[in-house]
Protein backbone atom coordinates (compact mmCIF):
# COMPACT_ATOMS: atom_id res chain seq x y z
CA MET A 1 107.38 -20.61 55.83
CA ILE A 2 105.30 -23.81 56.07
CA THR A 3 103.53 -24.40 59.95
CA PHE A 4 103.02 -27.58 61.53
CA SER A 5 99.25 -28.06 61.04
CA ARG A 6 99.69 -27.58 57.36
CA HIS A 7 102.21 -30.02 56.92
CA PHE A 8 100.49 -32.96 58.80
CA CYS A 9 97.39 -32.19 57.66
CA ASN A 10 96.97 -35.42 55.59
CA ILE A 11 99.05 -37.04 58.15
CA LYS A 12 97.21 -38.41 61.59
CA GLU A 13 98.81 -36.76 64.63
CA SER A 14 99.05 -40.01 66.51
CA LYS A 15 101.26 -41.83 63.50
CA PHE A 16 103.71 -42.18 61.35
CA ARG A 17 103.96 -42.03 58.14
CA GLU A 18 102.86 -45.58 56.34
CA ILE A 19 106.00 -46.71 53.80
CA ASP A 20 105.11 -49.05 51.35
CA GLU A 21 105.77 -52.80 51.43
CA THR A 22 107.63 -52.35 47.96
CA LEU A 23 109.29 -49.52 48.71
CA ILE A 24 110.89 -51.23 51.49
CA SER A 25 111.99 -54.05 48.92
CA LYS A 26 114.09 -51.27 47.07
CA VAL A 27 115.37 -49.97 49.90
CA LYS A 28 116.94 -52.95 51.09
CA ASP A 29 117.96 -54.13 47.57
CA THR A 30 119.85 -50.62 47.73
CA VAL A 31 121.57 -51.42 50.90
CA ARG A 32 122.48 -55.02 49.75
CA ILE A 33 123.91 -53.39 46.48
CA TYR A 34 125.81 -50.75 48.96
CA ASN A 35 127.22 -53.36 51.03
CA SER A 36 128.41 -55.74 47.67
CA LEU A 37 130.00 -52.68 46.32
CA ILE A 38 131.45 -49.96 48.59
CA ARG A 39 131.15 -51.54 52.44
CA ARG A 40 134.46 -53.53 52.06
CA ALA A 41 135.79 -51.91 48.90
CA THR A 42 139.61 -50.83 49.16
CA LYS A 43 140.85 -47.81 48.13
CA THR A 44 141.95 -49.28 44.32
CA LYS A 45 138.14 -50.83 44.45
CA ILE A 46 136.73 -47.52 44.84
CA LYS A 47 138.47 -45.55 42.00
CA GLU A 48 137.83 -48.61 39.79
CA ILE A 49 134.00 -48.25 40.46
CA SER A 50 133.47 -44.53 40.61
CA SER A 51 134.04 -41.60 38.84
CA LYS A 52 136.08 -38.78 39.41
CA LEU A 53 134.04 -35.42 38.97
CA ASP A 54 135.75 -33.87 36.54
CA LYS A 55 134.63 -32.48 32.97
CA ASN A 56 135.30 -35.86 31.37
CA SER A 57 132.80 -37.24 33.95
CA LYS A 58 129.05 -38.18 33.12
CA TRP A 59 128.09 -36.98 36.00
CA PHE A 60 129.99 -33.60 35.60
CA THR A 61 127.09 -31.60 35.11
CA LEU A 62 124.85 -33.43 37.72
CA PHE A 63 127.47 -32.27 40.55
CA LYS A 64 129.46 -29.51 39.43
CA ASP A 65 128.37 -27.76 41.84
CA GLU A 66 129.19 -30.06 44.86
CA ASP A 67 132.40 -30.82 46.77
CA PHE A 68 132.38 -34.69 45.62
CA GLU A 69 135.87 -35.67 44.91
CA ARG A 70 134.22 -38.85 43.47
CA VAL A 71 130.56 -40.49 42.45
CA VAL A 72 129.06 -43.50 41.67
CA LEU A 73 125.63 -44.39 41.09
CA ILE A 74 124.26 -47.66 43.05
CA ASN A 75 120.46 -47.73 42.31
CA ARG A 76 117.38 -46.26 40.85
CA PHE A 77 113.92 -46.91 41.97
CA SER A 78 110.26 -45.05 42.08
CA PHE A 79 107.92 -43.64 44.65
CA LYS A 80 105.01 -41.58 44.88
CA ASP A 81 104.98 -37.65 45.54
CA PHE A 82 102.36 -36.74 47.76
CA GLU A 83 102.27 -33.21 46.68
CA THR A 84 101.52 -33.66 42.64
CA ASN A 85 100.29 -37.81 43.43
CA LYS A 86 102.53 -38.47 40.70
CA THR A 87 105.48 -40.90 40.46
CA ARG A 88 108.75 -39.41 41.19
CA PHE A 89 112.34 -41.44 40.03
CA ALA A 90 114.90 -41.23 41.91
CA ARG A 91 118.64 -42.48 41.34
CA VAL A 92 121.26 -43.52 44.18
CA PHE A 93 124.37 -42.45 44.36
CA VAL A 94 127.59 -42.62 46.72
CA ALA A 95 130.02 -40.07 46.92
CA PHE A 96 133.36 -39.96 48.23
CA GLY A 97 135.86 -37.18 49.01
CA THR A 98 133.50 -34.78 50.85
CA LYS A 99 133.70 -32.25 53.51
CA GLY A 100 130.25 -32.41 55.36
CA SER A 101 128.99 -34.17 58.20
CA ALA A 102 125.40 -35.57 56.56
CA ILE A 103 124.81 -38.98 56.23
CA ALA A 104 122.73 -38.40 53.25
CA GLN A 105 120.85 -35.46 51.18
CA TYR A 106 117.93 -35.74 48.45
CA ASN A 107 118.27 -33.51 45.70
CA GLN A 108 114.83 -32.51 44.36
CA SER A 109 115.98 -31.37 41.07
CA LYS A 110 118.67 -33.91 40.20
CA ASN A 111 115.97 -36.37 41.25
CA ALA A 112 119.09 -38.25 43.53
CA ILE A 113 119.88 -39.62 46.81
CA VAL A 114 123.26 -39.19 47.88
CA LEU A 115 124.66 -41.28 50.48
CA PHE A 116 128.16 -39.67 52.03
CA TYR A 117 130.76 -42.64 52.27
CA ASN A 118 132.44 -40.96 55.17
CA GLU A 119 129.44 -40.79 57.43
CA SER A 120 127.59 -43.61 55.96
CA ASN A 121 129.86 -46.26 55.52
CA SER A 122 129.96 -47.04 59.33
CA LEU A 123 126.20 -47.42 59.50
CA THR A 124 124.66 -50.47 60.44
CA ASP A 125 121.98 -51.46 57.61
CA PHE A 126 119.17 -50.93 59.39
CA GLU A 127 120.32 -47.52 59.81
CA LEU A 128 121.40 -46.84 56.43
CA GLU A 129 118.02 -48.35 55.15
CA ALA A 130 116.05 -45.21 57.56
CA ALA A 131 118.34 -42.78 56.56
CA ILE A 132 117.68 -43.60 52.91
CA PHE A 133 113.85 -43.62 53.79
CA HIS A 134 114.59 -40.30 55.55
CA GLU A 135 116.28 -38.61 52.35
CA ILE A 136 112.64 -40.55 50.29
CA THR A 137 110.56 -38.85 52.53
CA HIS A 138 111.59 -35.35 51.71
CA GLY A 139 111.12 -36.07 47.91
CA SER A 140 107.67 -37.32 49.04
CA GLN A 141 106.35 -34.60 51.28
CA GLU A 142 103.32 -32.88 50.59
CA TYR A 143 104.99 -29.70 51.44
CA LYS A 144 108.27 -29.08 50.46
CA THR A 145 108.84 -25.32 50.52
CA SER A 146 111.44 -24.77 53.46
CA SER A 147 112.17 -21.91 55.02
CA PRO A 148 115.36 -19.46 54.21
CA GLU A 149 116.60 -20.09 57.51
CA TYR A 150 116.81 -23.35 57.34
CA ASP A 151 118.20 -23.65 53.83
CA GLU A 152 120.97 -21.69 55.15
CA GLU A 153 121.70 -24.24 58.03
CA SER A 154 121.21 -26.90 54.97
CA LYS A 155 124.27 -25.37 52.97
CA LYS A 156 126.93 -25.37 56.30
CA ILE A 157 125.69 -28.96 57.40
CA SER A 158 126.99 -29.83 53.31
CA GLN A 159 130.36 -27.65 53.74
CA GLY A 160 131.17 -29.24 56.96
CA LYS A 161 130.45 -25.87 58.94
CA PRO A 162 128.68 -25.58 62.76
CA TYR A 163 125.16 -24.98 62.39
CA ASN A 164 122.45 -23.82 64.28
CA LYS A 165 120.75 -27.19 65.43
CA LEU A 166 117.31 -25.59 66.85
CA ILE A 167 116.30 -23.82 63.26
CA TYR A 168 117.62 -27.12 61.43
CA PHE A 169 115.69 -29.75 63.52
CA SER A 170 112.99 -27.67 64.29
CA GLU A 171 111.19 -26.86 60.59
CA PRO A 172 108.56 -28.70 59.98
CA LYS A 173 109.91 -31.16 56.63
CA GLU A 174 113.03 -32.00 58.55
CA PHE A 175 110.65 -33.05 61.61
CA ASP A 176 109.02 -34.89 59.35
CA ALA A 177 111.41 -36.66 57.89
CA HIS A 178 113.34 -37.70 61.55
CA LEU A 179 109.75 -39.14 62.22
CA THR A 180 110.06 -40.95 59.32
CA GLU A 181 113.39 -42.74 59.80
CA LEU A 182 112.88 -43.20 63.55
CA ALA A 183 109.37 -45.13 63.10
CA TYR A 184 110.95 -47.18 59.84
CA ARG A 185 113.77 -48.05 62.18
CA ILE A 186 112.09 -49.27 65.25
CA ASN A 187 109.50 -51.58 62.80
CA ALA A 188 112.59 -53.24 61.07
CA GLU A 189 114.32 -53.95 64.13
CA PHE A 190 110.88 -55.33 65.92
CA ASN A 191 109.82 -57.27 62.84
CA SER A 192 113.78 -58.78 62.69
CA LEU A 193 113.18 -59.77 65.85
CA TYR A 194 110.12 -61.25 65.82
CA ASN A 195 110.59 -63.07 62.38
CA ALA A 196 113.73 -64.77 64.59
CA LEU A 197 111.30 -65.71 67.26
CA GLN A 198 108.74 -66.92 64.76
CA THR A 199 111.30 -69.67 62.44
CA ALA A 200 113.47 -70.43 65.48
CA LYS A 201 113.18 -74.50 65.98
CA LEU A 202 114.26 -74.84 69.22
CA PRO A 203 112.42 -73.74 72.26
CA GLU A 204 115.47 -72.62 73.84
CA THR A 205 116.33 -70.13 70.96
CA LYS A 206 112.33 -69.30 71.12
CA ILE A 207 112.62 -67.94 74.36
CA ILE A 208 116.29 -65.97 73.94
CA TYR A 209 114.64 -64.28 71.62
CA LYS A 210 111.16 -63.46 73.18
CA LYS A 211 113.61 -61.91 76.05
CA ARG A 212 115.38 -59.96 73.13
CA ILE A 213 111.93 -58.47 72.10
CA ASP A 214 110.45 -58.00 75.99
CA ARG A 215 113.73 -55.56 76.48
CA PHE A 216 113.14 -53.86 73.13
CA LEU A 217 109.85 -53.06 73.72
CA LEU A 218 110.23 -52.20 77.38
CA GLU A 219 113.28 -49.53 76.13
CA LEU A 220 110.42 -48.06 74.01
CA GLU A 221 108.00 -47.94 76.63
CA ILE A 222 110.56 -46.68 79.11
CA PHE A 223 111.39 -44.36 76.66
CA ILE A 224 107.36 -43.04 76.02
CA LYS A 225 106.88 -42.67 80.22
CA THR A 226 110.05 -40.69 81.15
CA ASP A 227 111.21 -37.20 81.19
CA VAL A 228 114.11 -37.31 78.21
CA LYS A 229 115.97 -35.45 80.58
CA SER A 230 116.72 -38.90 82.11
CA TYR A 231 118.51 -39.60 79.05
CA LEU A 232 120.19 -36.52 77.73
CA THR A 233 120.63 -33.42 80.57
CA PHE A 234 121.32 -36.39 83.56
CA LYS A 235 122.45 -39.41 81.54
CA GLU A 236 120.60 -41.46 83.59
CA LEU A 237 120.01 -44.11 80.91
CA PRO A 238 120.69 -44.82 77.65
CA LEU A 239 118.98 -44.22 74.83
CA PRO A 240 117.52 -46.86 73.14
CA ALA A 241 119.81 -48.84 69.57
CA PHE A 242 117.08 -47.36 67.96
CA PHE A 243 117.50 -43.77 68.60
CA SER A 244 121.15 -43.81 67.72
CA THR A 245 121.65 -41.40 64.49
CA HIS A 246 119.11 -39.06 66.47
CA THR A 247 120.38 -37.67 69.54
CA ASP A 248 121.25 -33.89 68.23
CA PHE A 249 117.20 -34.29 67.08
CA LEU A 250 115.86 -35.21 70.31
CA GLU A 251 118.12 -32.66 72.28
CA VAL A 252 116.62 -29.81 70.06
CA ILE A 253 113.01 -30.97 70.41
CA SER A 254 113.39 -32.01 74.29
CA LYS A 255 113.41 -27.85 74.37
CA LYS A 256 110.04 -27.64 72.29
CA SER A 257 107.16 -29.27 74.38
CA ILE A 258 104.83 -29.50 71.46
CA LEU A 259 107.34 -31.30 69.32
CA LEU A 260 108.03 -33.62 71.86
CA THR A 261 104.61 -34.39 72.65
CA LYS A 262 104.10 -35.03 68.55
CA LEU A 263 106.76 -37.69 68.78
CA LYS A 264 105.57 -39.38 72.36
CA GLN A 265 101.90 -39.78 71.36
CA LYS A 266 103.43 -40.97 67.46
CA LEU A 267 105.37 -43.76 69.72
CA ALA A 268 102.81 -44.70 72.14
CA ASN A 269 100.43 -45.24 69.23
CA LEU A 270 103.29 -47.78 67.50
CA TYR A 271 103.97 -49.43 70.83
CA THR A 272 100.24 -50.34 71.13
CA ARG A 273 100.45 -51.71 67.43
CA LEU A 274 103.61 -53.64 68.53
CA THR A 275 102.53 -55.04 71.69
CA SER A 276 99.21 -56.39 69.88
CA VAL A 277 100.96 -58.91 67.96
CA PHE A 278 101.40 -61.15 71.43
CA SER A 279 97.50 -60.47 72.08
């Protein structure tokens, strides 16, 4: 099993992974395509644009071992694989009729990111973009080896079966992917608010957006400083919106002080960077 120290040896402890602006643009394009083709599509329209996974489908060989009923390719793009320092290409599919509880998955051998319609279609754009970055992280990680125990729990998730969350979320490659997903979400939401503030024409509108930014940063600051039990055990505080898809993840790492410390160190560094724009 790859240890945390080895997995993160090329990443500064106090920082999240850097995400290339070009890749951000590609992911946003992917979500725009998803919204155009899939988001509000009727069952009839989905049948028109997707392929049934039978022997006549051009995707049958690729996905014959999966439990999808239908699938559609919506985009493809490249990203850097830090294990090989080479460019890797990924195709983004949407799968229909799945039994699993996952939002998405990355398959390295198939060069495919699969978004599961049942779980992904209710996500906001920010949540969906972040989920795609989670899967890209799996494809670009310096060390992609995982433990047999983690692989077994991943299989259970894809089958819609109960799984051991402690094993799954404690795996270094999964912890890394969740950190990248979370960092993207926080940055994207902050940048959206900040851009709205900068482009607002009326003073009254600027005041509203400044207050929204202040609240956003306050929620991040409080989470960093507060015992996580206030959110998860006693439920005295609501989790900030940017944790909306990370409740299970937080419940696990709250029981592992080293992981919680790593998360809060990175969040503190990010908070400092975000607040510096007003300095």
